[in-house]
Amino acid sequence: MKIVFLDSATMGSDIGRQKIISGYKDFGEVFIYENTKPTQIAERIKDAYIVITNKCRLNADTLEAAKNLKLICVCATGYDNIDIKYCGINNIAVCNISGYSTDSVAQVTVSMVLALICRLRPYNRYVHSGTYAASGNPNCLLPVYNEISAMKWGIVGLGAIGKKVANVAEALGAEVVVHTRNDSCGYKQLELDELCRVSDIISLHVPLNDETRHMINAERLGMMKKNAVLINVARGAVVDEAAVTEAVITGGISGIGVDVYDGEPIARNSPYRSLYGMDNVIFTPHMAWGSYESRIRCLDIVRENIKSFLNGDNKNRIV
């Protein structure tokens, strides 16, 4: 049985090739590629029985020649890079993983919020530049910052990550409001427009689909408070990046923290690039999910998904 891992580099260089092979070798012969270009996918998977991937796009064009393929394991919760309809028609099982990155993403979300609300970037620069030492003053309190306990934290999407963020937000004293499909979530629920109007902090924790694509657009950004901080650790395309950029530049919102992009790595023509270096902007390279512990859990769950499938069970099966 041939098992192909198309993009092992997305799991981090600290998790070595041999460690990955040792996790799956009991199931068959394992072929590992650090990265795979779109033009290489079809050739590399044509004889595979199982394909493991994080970000490679698998659709009719890349899957058509893979006549032996029976299982695709996605090293992520989201599977918008997989053509689910094609897989269903062609009897290819797809399994994702869930719950593995909850603590990691929540931690980075809260870190971004704290850094932006407490204005840590300009304060850090003030000291590193030597201005503090030369000032003769024992402290500096500009720019002004405020306490999260005086704020509303709007959470869009209340899955495992959204719930974890809500717990931390409550612990910090924020009033939590949510936009979610869950009718009995335990928090005050608002329509998205109203959440945008009343929240001081907005964090996004939703999958990418037709309903959520560009859910944060120019109109909703215009509803937000000028002091609002927006955090996107969901998927890049759940926001209109050009509209978000414009809102930051014009002062429509106070700041942003972004870990995900509409096209990754971030494109050379991304509107976000005009925000580089700004004190009220934090960009990270899609790393929020990827604590060491999270990545080990991810690979372990993929192993369990393969074992389940081979035993005729449906653990984490999407189709």
C-alpha atoms as a PDB file:
ATOM      1  CA  MET A   1       0.000   0.000   0.000  1.00  0.00           C
ATOM      2  CA  LYS A   2       1.462   3.341  -1.078  1.00  0.00           C
ATOM      3  CA  ILE A   3       1.032   6.325   1.228  1.00  0.00           C
ATOM      4  CA  VAL A   4       2.031   9.764  -0.079  1.00  0.00           C
ATOM      5  CA  PHE A   5       2.513  12.851   2.108  1.00  0.00           C
ATOM      6  CA  LEU A   6       2.529  15.807  -0.290  1.00  0.00           C
ATOM      7  CA  ASP A   7       3.616  18.731   1.894  1.00  0.00           C
ATOM      8  CA  SER A   8       5.356  17.612   5.078  1.00  0.00           C
ATOM      9  CA  ALA A   9       7.171  20.968   5.378  1.00  0.00           C
ATOM     10  CA  THR A  10       3.874  22.514   6.488  1.00  0.00           C
ATOM     11  CA  MET A  11       4.207  20.499   9.696  1.00  0.00           C
ATOM     12  CA  GLY A  12       7.498  22.204  10.602  1.00  0.00           C
ATOM     13  CA  SER A  13      11.146  21.318  10.107  1.00  0.00           C
ATOM     14  CA  ASP A  14      11.528  20.309  13.759  1.00  0.00           C
ATOM     15  CA  ILE A  15       9.317  17.269  13.145  1.00  0.00           C
ATOM     16  CA  GLY A  16      11.695  15.209  11.074  1.00  0.00           C
ATOM     17  CA  ARG A  17      11.070  12.983   8.093  1.00  0.00           C
ATOM     18  CA  GLN A  18      11.864   9.816  10.025  1.00  0.00           C
ATOM     19  CA  LYS A  19       9.419  10.694  12.769  1.00  0.00           C
ATOM     20  CA  ILE A  20       6.649  11.070  10.203  1.00  0.00           C
ATOM     21  CA  ILE A  21       7.599   7.828   8.424  1.00  0.00           C
ATOM     22  CA  SER A  22       7.699   5.924  11.705  1.00  0.00           C
ATOM     23  CA  GLY A  23       4.141   7.032  12.437  1.00  0.00           C
ATOM     24  CA  TYR A  24       2.691   5.573   9.237  1.00  0.00           C
ATOM     25  CA  LYS A  25       5.039   2.802   8.092  1.00  0.00           C
ATOM     26  CA  ASP A  26       2.891   0.104   9.722  1.00  0.00           C
ATOM     27  CA  PHE A  27       0.232   0.820   7.109  1.00  0.00           C
ATOM     28  CA  GLY A  28       2.411   0.649   4.011  1.00  0.00           C
ATOM     29  CA  GLU A  29       5.280   2.243   2.105  1.00  0.00           C
ATOM     30  CA  VAL A  30       5.495   5.945   2.907  1.00  0.00           C
ATOM     31  CA  PHE A  31       6.662   8.552   0.394  1.00  0.00           C
ATOM     32  CA  ILE A  32       7.260  12.011   1.823  1.00  0.00           C
ATOM     33  CA  TYR A  33       7.622  15.256  -0.118  1.00  0.00           C
ATOM     34  CA  GLU A  34       8.403  18.447   1.739  1.00  0.00           C
ATOM     35  CA  ASN A  35       6.513  20.499  -0.843  1.00  0.00           C
ATOM     36  CA  THR A  36       4.550  19.690  -3.959  1.00  0.00           C
ATOM     37  CA  LYS A  37       3.748  22.160  -6.711  1.00  0.00           C
ATOM     38  CA  PRO A  38       0.293  21.996  -8.311  1.00  0.00           C
ATOM     39  CA  THR A  39       1.861  20.647 -11.504  1.00  0.00           C
ATOM     40  CA  GLN A  40       3.511  17.792  -9.577  1.00  0.00           C
ATOM     41  CA  ILE A  41       0.497  16.517  -7.650  1.00  0.00           C
ATOM     42  CA  ALA A  42      -1.031  14.219 -10.283  1.00  0.00           C
ATOM     43  CA  GLU A  43       2.243  12.417 -10.940  1.00  0.00           C
ATOM     44  CA  ARG A  44       3.084  11.947  -7.274  1.00  0.00           C
ATOM     45  CA  ILE A  45      -0.289  10.478  -6.273  1.00  0.00           C
ATOM     46  CA  LYS A  46      -1.139   8.433  -9.364  1.00  0.00           C
ATOM     47  CA  ASP A  47      -0.329   5.102  -7.633  1.00  0.00           C
ATOM     48  CA  ALA A  48      -1.218   6.132  -4.073  1.00  0.00           C
ATOM     49  CA  TYR A  49      -3.787   4.345  -1.936  1.00  0.00           C
ATOM     50  CA  ILE A  50      -3.673   7.049   0.764  1.00  0.00           C
ATOM     51  CA  VAL A  51      -2.749  10.717   0.353  1.00  0.00           C
ATOM     52  CA  ILE A  52      -1.904  12.976   3.269  1.00  0.00           C
ATOM     53  CA  THR A  53      -1.861  16.717   2.757  1.00  0.00           C
ATOM     54  CA  ASN A  54      -2.270  19.984   4.558  1.00  0.00           C
ATOM     55  CA  LYS A  55      -2.588  22.645   1.875  1.00  0.00           C
ATOM     56  CA  CYS A  56      -2.286  21.006  -1.550  1.00  0.00           C
ATOM     57  CA  ARG A  57      -5.363  21.453  -3.693  1.00  0.00           C
ATOM     58  CA  LEU A  58      -6.901  18.139  -4.704  1.00  0.00           C
ATOM     59  CA  ASN A  59      -9.581  18.394  -7.376  1.00  0.00           C
ATOM     60  CA  ALA A  60     -10.692  16.682 -10.557  1.00  0.00           C
ATOM     61  CA  ASP A  61      -7.578  17.772 -12.447  1.00  0.00           C
ATOM     62  CA  THR A  62      -5.146  16.416  -9.850  1.00  0.00           C
ATOM     63  CA  LEU A  63      -7.164  13.352  -8.799  1.00  0.00           C
ATOM     64  CA  GLU A  64      -8.299  11.994 -12.164  1.00  0.00           C
ATOM     65  CA  ALA A  65      -5.243   9.743 -12.701  1.00  0.00           C
ATOM     66  CA  ALA A  66      -5.182   8.461  -9.096  1.00  0.00           C
ATOM     67  CA  LYS A  67      -7.142   5.283  -9.833  1.00  0.00           C
ATOM     68  CA  ASN A  68      -5.943   3.472  -6.688  1.00  0.00           C
ATOM     69  CA  LEU A  69      -6.716   6.317  -4.305  1.00  0.00           C
ATOM     70  CA  LYS A  70      -9.120   5.411  -1.513  1.00  0.00           C
ATOM     71  CA  LEU A  71      -8.399   7.904   1.275  1.00  0.00           C
ATOM     72  CA  ILE A  72      -7.344  11.542   1.595  1.00  0.00           C
ATOM     73  CA  CYS A  73      -6.246  12.643   5.059  1.00  0.00           C
ATOM     74  CA  VAL A  74      -6.236  16.409   5.575  1.00  0.00           C
ATOM     75  CA  CYS A  75      -3.863  17.676   8.270  1.00  0.00           C
ATOM     76  CA  ALA A  76      -6.332  20.396   9.216  1.00  0.00           C
ATOM     77  CA  THR A  77      -9.893  20.982  10.303  1.00  0.00           C
ATOM     78  CA  GLY A  78     -10.771  22.960   7.183  1.00  0.00           C
ATOM     79  CA  TYR A  79     -10.937  21.046   3.903  1.00  0.00           C
ATOM     80  CA  ASP A  80     -11.807  23.763   1.402  1.00  0.00           C
ATOM     81  CA  ASN A  81      -8.754  22.674  -0.643  1.00  0.00           C
ATOM     82  CA  ILE A  82     -10.388  19.305  -1.354  1.00  0.00           C
ATOM     83  CA  ASP A  83     -13.065  18.775  -4.022  1.00  0.00           C
ATOM     84  CA  ILE A  84     -15.503  16.941  -1.767  1.00  0.00           C
ATOM     85  CA  LYS A  85     -18.088  16.455  -4.518  1.00  0.00           C
ATOM     86  CA  TYR A  86     -15.565  14.775  -6.811  1.00  0.00           C
ATOM     87  CA  CYS A  87     -14.357  12.532  -3.994  1.00  0.00           C
ATOM     88  CA  GLY A  88     -17.897  11.464  -3.151  1.00  0.00           C
ATOM     89  CA  ILE A  89     -18.707  10.582  -6.742  1.00  0.00           C
ATOM     90  CA  ASN A  90     -15.465   8.629  -7.133  1.00  0.00           C
ATOM     91  CA  ASN A  91     -15.612   6.761  -3.813  1.00  0.00           C
ATOM     92  CA  ILE A  92     -12.594   8.505  -2.277  1.00  0.00           C
ATOM     93  CA  ALA A  93     -12.944   8.906   1.477  1.00  0.00           C
ATOM     94  CA  VAL A  94     -11.851  12.202   3.034  1.00  0.00           C
ATOM     95  CA  CYS A  95     -10.966  12.616   6.705  1.00  0.00           C
ATOM     96  CA  ASN A  96     -10.093  15.831   8.498  1.00  0.00           C
ATOM     97  CA  ILE A  97      -9.031  16.384  12.089  1.00  0.00           C
ATOM     98  CA  SER A  98     -10.646  18.505  14.744  1.00  0.00           C
ATOM     99  CA  GLY A  99      -9.793  19.716  18.206  1.00  0.00           C
ATOM    100  CA  TYR A 100      -6.037  19.341  17.788  1.00  0.00           C
ATOM    101  CA  SER A 101      -5.229  23.062  17.548  1.00  0.00           C
ATOM    102  CA  THR A 102      -7.799  24.585  19.887  1.00  0.00           C
ATOM    103  CA  ASP A 103      -5.364  25.660  22.593  1.00  0.00           C
ATOM    104  CA  SER A 104      -2.771  26.851  20.082  1.00  0.00           C
ATOM    105  CA  VAL A 105      -5.134  29.060  18.038  1.00  0.00           C
ATOM    106  CA  ALA A 106      -6.861  30.446  21.113  1.00  0.00           C
ATOM    107  CA  GLN A 107      -3.486  31.328  22.629  1.00  0.00           C
ATOM    108  CA  VAL A 108      -2.351  33.232  19.538  1.00  0.00           C
ATOM    109  CA  THR A 109      -5.738  34.954  19.205  1.00  0.00           C
ATOM    110  CA  VAL A 110      -5.540  36.274  22.749  1.00  0.00           C
ATOM    111  CA  SER A 111      -1.864  37.197  22.300  1.00  0.00           C
ATOM    112  CA  MET A 112      -2.753  39.341  19.286  1.00  0.00           C
ATOM    113  CA  VAL A 113      -5.579  41.029  21.171  1.00  0.00           C
ATOM    114  CA  LEU A 114      -3.393  41.797  24.188  1.00  0.00           C
ATOM    115  CA  ALA A 115      -0.553  43.117  22.044  1.00  0.00           C
ATOM    116  CA  LEU A 116      -2.874  45.454  20.122  1.00  0.00           C
ATOM    117  CA  ILE A 117      -5.015  46.622  23.038  1.00  0.00           C
ATOM    118  CA  CYS A 118      -1.975  47.224  25.283  1.00  0.00           C
ATOM    119  CA  ARG A 119      -0.097  48.937  22.403  1.00  0.00           C
ATOM    120  CA  LEU A 120       2.928  46.717  22.991  1.00  0.00           C
ATOM    121  CA  ARG A 121       4.502  47.384  19.587  1.00  0.00           C
ATOM    122  CA  PRO A 122       4.929  51.157  20.016  1.00  0.00           C
ATOM    123  CA  TYR A 123       5.964  50.770  23.663  1.00  0.00           C
ATOM    124  CA  ASN A 124       8.533  48.145  22.707  1.00  0.00           C
ATOM    125  CA  ARG A 125       9.870  50.384  19.939  1.00  0.00           C
ATOM    126  CA  TYR A 126      10.066  53.327  22.354  1.00  0.00           C
ATOM    127  CA  VAL A 127      12.477  51.395  24.561  1.00  0.00           C
ATOM    128  CA  HIS A 128      14.483  49.707  21.801  1.00  0.00           C
ATOM    129  CA  SER A 129      15.035  52.979  19.969  1.00  0.00           C
ATOM    130  CA  GLY A 130      16.746  54.493  23.001  1.00  0.00           C
ATOM    131  CA  THR A 131      14.070  57.153  23.358  1.00  0.00           C
ATOM    132  CA  TYR A 132      13.069  55.910  26.810  1.00  0.00           C
ATOM    133  CA  ALA A 133      16.630  56.049  28.149  1.00  0.00           C
ATOM    134  CA  ALA A 134      17.109  59.547  26.737  1.00  0.00           C
ATOM    135  CA  SER A 135      13.767  60.884  27.968  1.00  0.00           C
ATOM    136  CA  GLY A 136      14.671  61.430  31.606  1.00  0.00           C
ATOM    137  CA  ASN A 137      11.171  60.220  32.574  1.00  0.00           C
ATOM    138  CA  PRO A 138      10.616  57.048  34.622  1.00  0.00           C
ATOM    139  CA  ASN A 139       7.662  56.003  32.489  1.00  0.00           C
ATOM    140  CA  CYS A 140       5.766  56.670  29.272  1.00  0.00           C
ATOM    141  CA  LEU A 141       1.993  56.362  29.026  1.00  0.00           C
ATOM    142  CA  LEU A 142       1.427  57.283  25.411  1.00  0.00           C
ATOM    143  CA  PRO A 143      -0.199  55.904  23.402  1.00  0.00           C
ATOM    144  CA  VAL A 144      -3.088  55.497  25.806  1.00  0.00           C
ATOM    145  CA  TYR A 145      -4.349  51.963  26.318  1.00  0.00           C
ATOM    146  CA  ASN A 146      -7.504  50.609  27.937  1.00  0.00           C
ATOM    147  CA  GLU A 147      -8.510  47.578  29.964  1.00  0.00           C
ATOM    148  CA  ILE A 148     -10.209  44.645  28.271  1.00  0.00           C
ATOM    149  CA  SER A 149     -12.542  44.406  31.263  1.00  0.00           C
ATOM    150  CA  ALA A 150     -14.211  47.580  29.981  1.00  0.00           C
ATOM    151  CA  MET A 151     -14.819  46.101  26.513  1.00  0.00           C
ATOM    152  CA  LYS A 152     -17.180  43.899  24.521  1.00  0.00           C
ATOM    153  CA  TRP A 153     -15.484  40.980  22.789  1.00  0.00           C
ATOM    154  CA  GLY A 154     -17.417  39.756  19.763  1.00  0.00           C
ATOM    155  CA  ILE A 155     -16.714  36.171  18.737  1.00  0.00           C
ATOM    156  CA  VAL A 156     -17.798  35.043  15.285  1.00  0.00           C
ATOM    157  CA  GLY A 157     -18.081  31.264  15.224  1.00  0.00           C
ATOM    158  CA  LEU A 158     -18.394  29.284  18.435  1.00  0.00           C
ATOM    159  CA  GLY A 159     -16.751  25.974  17.704  1.00  0.00           C
ATOM    160  CA  ALA A 160     -14.062  24.592  19.978  1.00  0.00           C
ATOM    161  CA  ILE A 161     -11.672  27.492  19.285  1.00  0.00           C
ATOM    162  CA  GLY A 162     -14.332  30.176  19.624  1.00  0.00           C
ATOM    163  CA  LYS A 163     -15.454  28.687  22.946  1.00  0.00           C
ATOM    164  CA  LYS A 164     -11.884  28.610  24.245  1.00  0.00           C
ATOM    165  CA  VAL A 165     -11.377  32.255  23.276  1.00  0.00           C
ATOM    166  CA  ALA A 166     -14.695  33.128  24.934  1.00  0.00           C
ATOM    167  CA  ASN A 167     -13.515  31.483  28.166  1.00  0.00           C
ATOM    168  CA  VAL A 168     -10.306  33.515  28.171  1.00  0.00           C
ATOM    169  CA  ALA A 169     -12.135  36.707  27.245  1.00  0.00           C
ATOM    170  CA  GLU A 170     -14.453  36.200  30.216  1.00  0.00           C
ATOM    171  CA  ALA A 171     -11.476  35.541  32.487  1.00  0.00           C
ATOM    172  CA  LEU A 172     -10.052  38.909  31.389  1.00  0.00           C
ATOM    173  CA  GLY A 173     -13.342  40.554  32.326  1.00  0.00           C
ATOM    174  CA  ALA A 174     -14.694  41.259  28.842  1.00  0.00           C
ATOM    175  CA  GLU A 175     -18.381  41.074  28.062  1.00  0.00           C
ATOM    176  CA  VAL A 176     -18.661  38.301  25.484  1.00  0.00           C
ATOM    177  CA  VAL A 177     -21.152  38.450  22.620  1.00  0.00           C
ATOM    178  CA  VAL A 178     -21.296  35.881  19.841  1.00  0.00           C
ATOM    179  CA  HIS A 179     -22.541  35.223  16.345  1.00  0.00           C
ATOM    180  CA  THR A 180     -23.157  31.492  15.962  1.00  0.00           C
ATOM    181  CA  ARG A 181     -25.620  28.928  14.654  1.00  0.00           C
ATOM    182  CA  ASN A 182     -25.759  27.285  18.079  1.00  0.00           C
ATOM    183  CA  ASP A 183     -29.044  28.312  19.691  1.00  0.00           C
ATOM    184  CA  SER A 184     -28.027  27.370  23.233  1.00  0.00           C
ATOM    185  CA  CYS A 185     -24.434  28.501  23.488  1.00  0.00           C
ATOM    186  CA  GLY A 186     -24.610  30.199  26.875  1.00  0.00           C
ATOM    187  CA  TYR A 187     -23.610  33.628  25.576  1.00  0.00           C
ATOM    188  CA  LYS A 188     -25.528  36.638  24.310  1.00  0.00           C
ATOM    189  CA  GLN A 189     -26.138  36.045  20.620  1.00  0.00           C
ATOM    190  CA  LEU A 190     -26.257  38.818  18.057  1.00  0.00           C
ATOM    191  CA  GLU A 191     -26.761  39.094  14.342  1.00  0.00           C
ATOM    192  CA  LEU A 192     -23.424  39.764  12.663  1.00  0.00           C
ATOM    193  CA  ASP A 193     -24.249  43.377  11.794  1.00  0.00           C
ATOM    194  CA  GLU A 194     -25.134  44.137  15.414  1.00  0.00           C
ATOM    195  CA  LEU A 195     -22.017  42.375  16.699  1.00  0.00           C
ATOM    196  CA  CYS A 196     -19.924  44.547  14.377  1.00  0.00           C
ATOM    197  CA  ARG A 197     -21.617  47.697  15.709  1.00  0.00           C
ATOM    198  CA  VAL A 198     -21.195  47.028  19.431  1.00  0.00           C
ATOM    199  CA  SER A 199     -17.905  45.117  19.774  1.00  0.00           C
ATOM    200  CA  ASP A 200     -14.549  46.601  20.757  1.00  0.00           C
ATOM    201  CA  ILE A 201     -12.772  43.374  19.853  1.00  0.00           C
ATOM    202  CA  ILE A 202     -13.894  41.031  17.058  1.00  0.00           C
ATOM    203  CA  SER A 203     -12.251  37.650  16.511  1.00  0.00           C
ATOM    204  CA  LEU A 204     -13.145  35.335  13.637  1.00  0.00           C
ATOM    205  CA  HIS A 205     -13.315  31.551  14.092  1.00  0.00           C
ATOM    206  CA  VAL A 206     -15.359  30.238  11.166  1.00  0.00           C
ATOM    207  CA  PRO A 207     -14.669  27.867   8.249  1.00  0.00           C
ATOM    208  CA  LEU A 208     -14.493  29.203   4.708  1.00  0.00           C
ATOM    209  CA  ASN A 209     -17.568  28.470   2.644  1.00  0.00           C
ATOM    210  CA  ASP A 210     -20.017  30.331   0.413  1.00  0.00           C
ATOM    211  CA  GLU A 211     -21.759  31.792   3.447  1.00  0.00           C
ATOM    212  CA  THR A 212     -18.631  33.066   5.197  1.00  0.00           C
ATOM    213  CA  ARG A 213     -16.585  34.279   2.217  1.00  0.00           C
ATOM    214  CA  HIS A 214     -16.060  38.052   2.624  1.00  0.00           C
ATOM    215  CA  MET A 215     -18.466  38.102   5.572  1.00  0.00           C
ATOM    216  CA  ILE A 216     -16.349  41.000   6.842  1.00  0.00           C
ATOM    217  CA  ASN A 217     -16.638  43.461   3.966  1.00  0.00           C
ATOM    218  CA  ALA A 218     -16.560  47.227   3.495  1.00  0.00           C
ATOM    219  CA  GLU A 219     -20.158  47.603   4.671  1.00  0.00           C
ATOM    220  CA  ARG A 220     -19.595  45.737   7.937  1.00  0.00           C
ATOM    221  CA  LEU A 221     -16.250  47.411   8.530  1.00  0.00           C
ATOM    222  CA  GLY A 222     -18.103  50.701   8.242  1.00  0.00           C
ATOM    223  CA  MET A 223     -20.397  49.585  11.061  1.00  0.00           C
ATOM    224  CA  MET A 224     -17.511  48.955  13.450  1.00  0.00           C
ATOM    225  CA  LYS A 225     -16.325  51.290  16.171  1.00  0.00           C
ATOM    226  CA  LYS A 226     -13.242  53.312  15.347  1.00  0.00           C
ATOM    227  CA  ASN A 227     -11.523  51.791  18.377  1.00  0.00           C
ATOM    228  CA  ALA A 228     -12.350  48.221  17.259  1.00  0.00           C
ATOM    229  CA  VAL A 229      -9.649  45.591  16.897  1.00  0.00           C
ATOM    230  CA  LEU A 230     -10.247  42.832  14.324  1.00  0.00           C
ATOM    231  CA  ILE A 231      -8.539  39.427  14.548  1.00  0.00           C
ATOM    232  CA  ASN A 232      -8.623  36.882  11.722  1.00  0.00           C
ATOM    233  CA  VAL A 233      -7.260  33.440  12.576  1.00  0.00           C
ATOM    234  CA  ALA A 234      -9.923  31.620  10.512  1.00  0.00           C
ATOM    235  CA  ARG A 235      -9.352  31.719   6.747  1.00  0.00           C
ATOM    236  CA  GLY A 236      -8.023  34.613   4.714  1.00  0.00           C
ATOM    237  CA  ALA A 237     -11.041  34.957   2.451  1.00  0.00           C
ATOM    238  CA  VAL A 238     -13.596  35.349   5.239  1.00  0.00           C
ATOM    239  CA  VAL A 239     -12.612  39.018   5.052  1.00  0.00           C
ATOM    240  CA  ASP A 240     -12.279  41.370   2.099  1.00  0.00           C
ATOM    241  CA  GLU A 241      -8.580  42.133   2.456  1.00  0.00           C
ATOM    242  CA  ALA A 242      -8.723  45.327   0.400  1.00  0.00           C
ATOM    243  CA  ALA A 243     -11.592  46.646   2.513  1.00  0.00           C
ATOM    244  CA  VAL A 244      -9.796  45.758   5.754  1.00  0.00           C
ATOM    245  CA  THR A 245      -6.657  47.506   4.532  1.00  0.00           C
ATOM    246  CA  GLU A 246      -8.641  50.625   3.679  1.00  0.00           C
ATOM    247  CA  ALA A 247     -10.310  50.610   7.100  1.00  0.00           C
ATOM    248  CA  VAL A 248      -6.930  50.491   8.854  1.00  0.00           C
ATOM    249  CA  ILE A 249      -5.375  53.217   6.697  1.00  0.00           C
ATOM    250  CA  THR A 250      -8.326  55.593   7.099  1.00  0.00           C
ATOM    251  CA  GLY A 251      -8.786  54.941  10.818  1.00  0.00           C
ATOM    252  CA  GLY A 252     -12.098  53.188  10.351  1.00  0.00           C
ATOM    253  CA  ILE A 253     -10.906  50.575  12.855  1.00  0.00           C
ATOM    254  CA  SER A 254      -8.116  50.705  15.417  1.00  0.00           C
ATOM    255  CA  GLY A 255      -6.026  47.726  14.376  1.00  0.00           C
ATOM    256  CA  ILE A 256      -5.847  44.187  13.051  1.00  0.00           C
ATOM    257  CA  GLY A 257      -4.203  40.888  13.831  1.00  0.00           C
ATOM    258  CA  VAL A 258      -4.039  38.522  10.863  1.00  0.00           C
ATOM    259  CA  ASP A 259      -2.648  34.992  10.622  1.00  0.00           C
ATOM    260  CA  VAL A 260      -4.366  33.810   7.426  1.00  0.00           C
ATOM    261  CA  TYR A 261      -4.438  35.170   3.887  1.00  0.00           C
ATOM    262  CA  ASP A 262      -6.409  34.895   0.672  1.00  0.00           C
ATOM    263  CA  GLY A 263      -3.557  33.088  -1.048  1.00  0.00           C
ATOM    264  CA  GLU A 264      -0.660  31.741   0.988  1.00  0.00           C
ATOM    265  CA  PRO A 265       2.086  32.675   1.340  1.00  0.00           C
ATOM    266  CA  ILE A 266       0.929  36.285   1.182  1.00  0.00           C
ATOM    267  CA  ALA A 267       0.909  37.479  -2.429  1.00  0.00           C
ATOM    268  CA  ARG A 268       3.240  40.176  -3.721  1.00  0.00           C
ATOM    269  CA  ASN A 269       0.198  42.230  -4.728  1.00  0.00           C
ATOM    270  CA  SER A 270      -1.709  41.685  -1.478  1.00  0.00           C
ATOM    271  CA  PRO A 271      -3.278  44.913  -0.218  1.00  0.00           C
ATOM    272  CA  TYR A 272      -2.017  43.997   3.242  1.00  0.00           C
ATOM    273  CA  ARG A 273       1.546  44.727   2.181  1.00  0.00           C
ATOM    274  CA  SER A 274       0.790  48.449   2.335  1.00  0.00           C
ATOM    275  CA  LEU A 275       0.299  48.009   6.097  1.00  0.00           C
ATOM    276  CA  TYR A 276       3.745  46.550   6.777  1.00  0.00           C
ATOM    277  CA  GLY A 277       5.498  48.216   9.693  1.00  0.00           C
ATOM    278  CA  MET A 278       2.416  49.843  11.208  1.00  0.00           C
ATOM    279  CA  ASP A 279       2.220  49.739  15.011  1.00  0.00           C
ATOM    280  CA  ASN A 280      -1.462  48.784  15.003  1.00  0.00           C
ATOM    281  CA  VAL A 281      -1.024  45.811  12.667  1.00  0.00           C
ATOM    282  CA  ILE A 282       0.189  42.306  13.488  1.00  0.00           C
ATOM    283  CA  PHE A 283       0.788  39.831  10.685  1.00  0.00           C
ATOM    284  CA  THR A 284       1.873  36.249  11.353  1.00  0.00           C
ATOM    285  CA  PRO A 285       2.572  33.489   8.770  1.00  0.00           C
ATOM    286  CA  HIS A 286      -0.347  31.100   9.331  1.00  0.00           C
ATOM    287  CA  MET A 287       1.262  29.817  12.515  1.00  0.00           C
ATOM    288  CA  ALA A 288      -1.562  30.099  15.040  1.00  0.00           C
ATOM    289  CA  TRP A 289      -2.502  26.423  14.692  1.00  0.00           C
ATOM    290  CA  GLY A 290       1.060  25.177  14.902  1.00  0.00           C
ATOM    291  CA  SER A 291       2.377  24.880  18.452  1.00  0.00           C
ATOM    292  CA  TYR A 292       4.642  21.846  18.794  1.00  0.00           C
ATOM    293  CA  GLU A 293       2.012  20.054  20.846  1.00  0.00           C
ATOM    294  CA  SER A 294      -0.669  20.825  18.276  1.00  0.00           C
ATOM    295  CA  ARG A 295       1.357  19.439  15.389  1.00  0.00           C
ATOM    296  CA  ILE A 296       2.129  16.213  17.220  1.00  0.00           C
ATOM    297  CA  ARG A 297      -1.580  15.809  17.998  1.00  0.00           C
ATOM    298  CA  CYS A 298      -2.341  16.454  14.324  1.00  0.00           C
ATOM    299  CA  LEU A 299      -0.080  13.669  13.076  1.00  0.00           C
ATOM    300  CA  ASP A 300      -1.354  11.289  15.752  1.00  0.00           C
ATOM    301  CA  ILE A 301      -4.972  11.926  14.728  1.00  0.00           C
ATOM    302  CA  VAL A 302      -4.112  11.363  11.057  1.00  0.00           C
ATOM    303  CA  ARG A 303      -2.682   7.993  12.077  1.00  0.00           C
ATOM    304  CA  GLU A 304      -5.892   7.163  13.942  1.00  0.00           C
ATOM    305  CA  ASN A 305      -7.952   8.224  10.916  1.00  0.00           C
ATOM    306  CA  ILE A 306      -5.995   5.862   8.655  1.00  0.00           C
ATOM    307  CA  LYS A 307      -6.304   3.017  11.145  1.00  0.00           C
ATOM    308  CA  SER A 308     -10.036   3.623  11.464  1.00  0.00           C
ATOM    309  CA  PHE A 309     -10.537   3.683   7.692  1.00  0.00           C
ATOM    310  CA  LEU A 310      -8.601   0.452   7.165  1.00  0.00           C
ATOM    311  CA  ASN A 311     -10.688  -1.185   9.871  1.00  0.00           C
ATOM    312  CA  GLY A 312     -13.879  -0.165   8.072  1.00  0.00           C
ATOM    313  CA  ASP A 313     -14.821   2.621  10.484  1.00  0.00           C
ATOM    314  CA  ASN A 314     -15.545   6.307   9.834  1.00  0.00           C
ATOM    315  CA  LYS A 315     -13.516   8.298  12.357  1.00  0.00           C
ATOM    316  CA  ASN A 316     -13.471  11.988  11.309  1.00  0.00           C
ATOM    317  CA  ARG A 317     -14.776  11.062   7.872  1.00  0.00           C
ATOM    318  CA  ILE A 318     -16.243  13.908   5.809  1.00  0.00           C
ATOM    319  CA  VAL A 319     -17.273  11.861   2.786  1.00  0.00           C
END
